[in-house]
Amino acid sequence: MVDAATLLVLASGATAAAGSVVAWLAYQGYRRNDSRAMRFLAIGVACIAVVPFFLTYGAGPLFALSDAATLLAVLLANIAGLLAVLYSLEGT
């Protein structure tokens, strides 16, 4: 039986992997069409799906961040990602 912590790491890793693929495809769209909207979409998806994984399982333990500091960093990354996605849809 797999414990909940292992499942959480696996699910987070799968989310980061899928987010990386989507962000890469959006980045390729930016390079192919020189589209600012696609660039901000790529940044937004990366901030929402990829950055939190590295903050939680990389920077948090590496810098001995508290749970509250790690959660704050993840929430700030999510906010930045949502603002980038919003800008990609509305600002260009």
Protein backbone atom coordinates (compact mmCIF):
# COMPACT_ATOMS: atom_id res chain seq x y z
CA MET A 1 0.00 0.00 0.00
CA VAL A 2 1.31 3.44 -0.95
CA ASP A 3 1.09 6.08 1.75
CA ALA A 4 -0.55 9.46 1.25
CA ALA A 5 2.75 11.41 1.25
CA THR A 6 4.09 9.33 -1.65
CA LEU A 7 0.87 9.79 -3.60
CA LEU A 8 1.06 13.53 -2.98
CA VAL A 9 4.61 13.73 -4.37
CA LEU A 10 3.64 11.61 -7.39
CA ALA A 11 0.53 13.69 -8.11
CA SER A 12 2.49 16.93 -7.70
CA GLY A 13 5.21 15.62 -10.01
CA ALA A 14 2.64 14.60 -12.62
CA THR A 15 1.06 18.05 -12.43
CA ALA A 16 4.48 19.69 -12.86
CA ALA A 17 5.30 17.41 -15.80
CA ALA A 18 2.01 18.09 -17.57
CA GLY A 19 2.34 21.81 -16.83
CA SER A 20 5.84 21.76 -18.31
CA VAL A 21 4.52 20.25 -21.53
CA VAL A 22 1.70 22.80 -21.79
CA ALA A 23 4.04 25.70 -20.99
CA TRP A 24 6.55 24.41 -23.57
CA LEU A 25 3.83 24.21 -26.24
CA ALA A 26 2.69 27.74 -25.43
CA TYR A 27 6.31 28.91 -25.60
CA GLN A 28 6.70 27.25 -28.99
CA GLY A 29 3.56 29.10 -30.11
CA TYR A 30 5.15 32.35 -28.94
CA ARG A 31 8.35 31.66 -30.88
CA ARG A 32 6.54 30.52 -34.01
CA ASN A 33 4.10 33.45 -34.18
CA ASP A 34 5.91 36.08 -32.09
CA SER A 35 2.76 36.25 -29.95
CA ARG A 36 3.00 38.09 -26.64
CA ALA A 37 -0.20 36.39 -25.52
CA MET A 38 1.37 32.95 -25.91
CA ARG A 39 4.48 34.06 -24.04
CA PHE A 40 2.42 35.23 -21.07
CA LEU A 41 0.31 32.07 -21.26
CA ALA A 42 3.50 29.99 -21.06
CA ILE A 43 4.73 32.01 -18.08
CA GLY A 44 1.34 31.72 -16.38
CA VAL A 45 1.06 27.97 -16.81
CA ALA A 46 4.60 27.49 -15.55
CA CYS A 47 3.92 29.62 -12.47
CA ILE A 48 0.70 27.76 -11.72
CA ALA A 49 1.73 24.17 -12.41
CA VAL A 50 5.53 23.91 -12.32
CA VAL A 51 6.94 26.49 -9.91
CA PRO A 52 4.90 25.29 -6.88
CA PHE A 53 6.42 21.80 -7.20
CA PHE A 54 9.94 23.20 -7.04
CA LEU A 55 9.06 25.57 -4.23
CA THR A 56 7.50 22.80 -2.16
CA TYR A 57 9.97 19.98 -2.79
CA GLY A 58 13.09 21.94 -3.73
CA ALA A 59 13.40 25.41 -2.22
CA GLY A 60 11.43 24.60 0.94
CA PRO A 61 13.70 21.82 2.17
CA LEU A 62 16.85 23.39 0.69
CA PHE A 63 16.41 26.65 2.58
CA ALA A 64 14.64 25.07 5.58
CA LEU A 65 11.54 27.19 5.02
CA SER A 66 8.65 26.81 7.40
CA ASP A 67 5.39 25.38 6.12
CA ALA A 68 3.86 28.86 6.25
CA ALA A 69 6.70 30.39 4.21
CA THR A 70 6.50 27.60 1.64
CA LEU A 71 2.73 27.99 1.37
CA LEU A 72 3.10 31.75 0.97
CA ALA A 73 5.63 31.24 -1.83
CA VAL A 74 3.31 28.79 -3.59
CA LEU A 75 0.36 31.16 -3.28
CA LEU A 76 2.42 34.05 -4.66
CA ALA A 77 3.49 31.88 -7.60
CA ASN A 78 -0.16 30.99 -8.23
CA ILE A 79 -1.19 34.64 -8.13
CA ALA A 80 1.61 35.60 -10.52
CA GLY A 81 0.57 32.77 -12.84
CA LEU A 82 -3.07 33.75 -12.81
CA LEU A 83 -2.18 37.37 -13.52
CA ALA A 84 0.00 36.28 -16.45
CA VAL A 85 -2.80 34.12 -17.86
CA LEU A 86 -5.27 36.97 -17.39
CA TYR A 87 -2.92 39.34 -19.19
CA SER A 88 -2.48 36.82 -22.00
CA LEU A 89 -6.25 36.69 -22.49
CA GLU A 90 -7.14 40.34 -21.92
CA GLY A 91 -4.04 42.48 -22.26
CA THR A 92 -2.93 41.71 -25.78
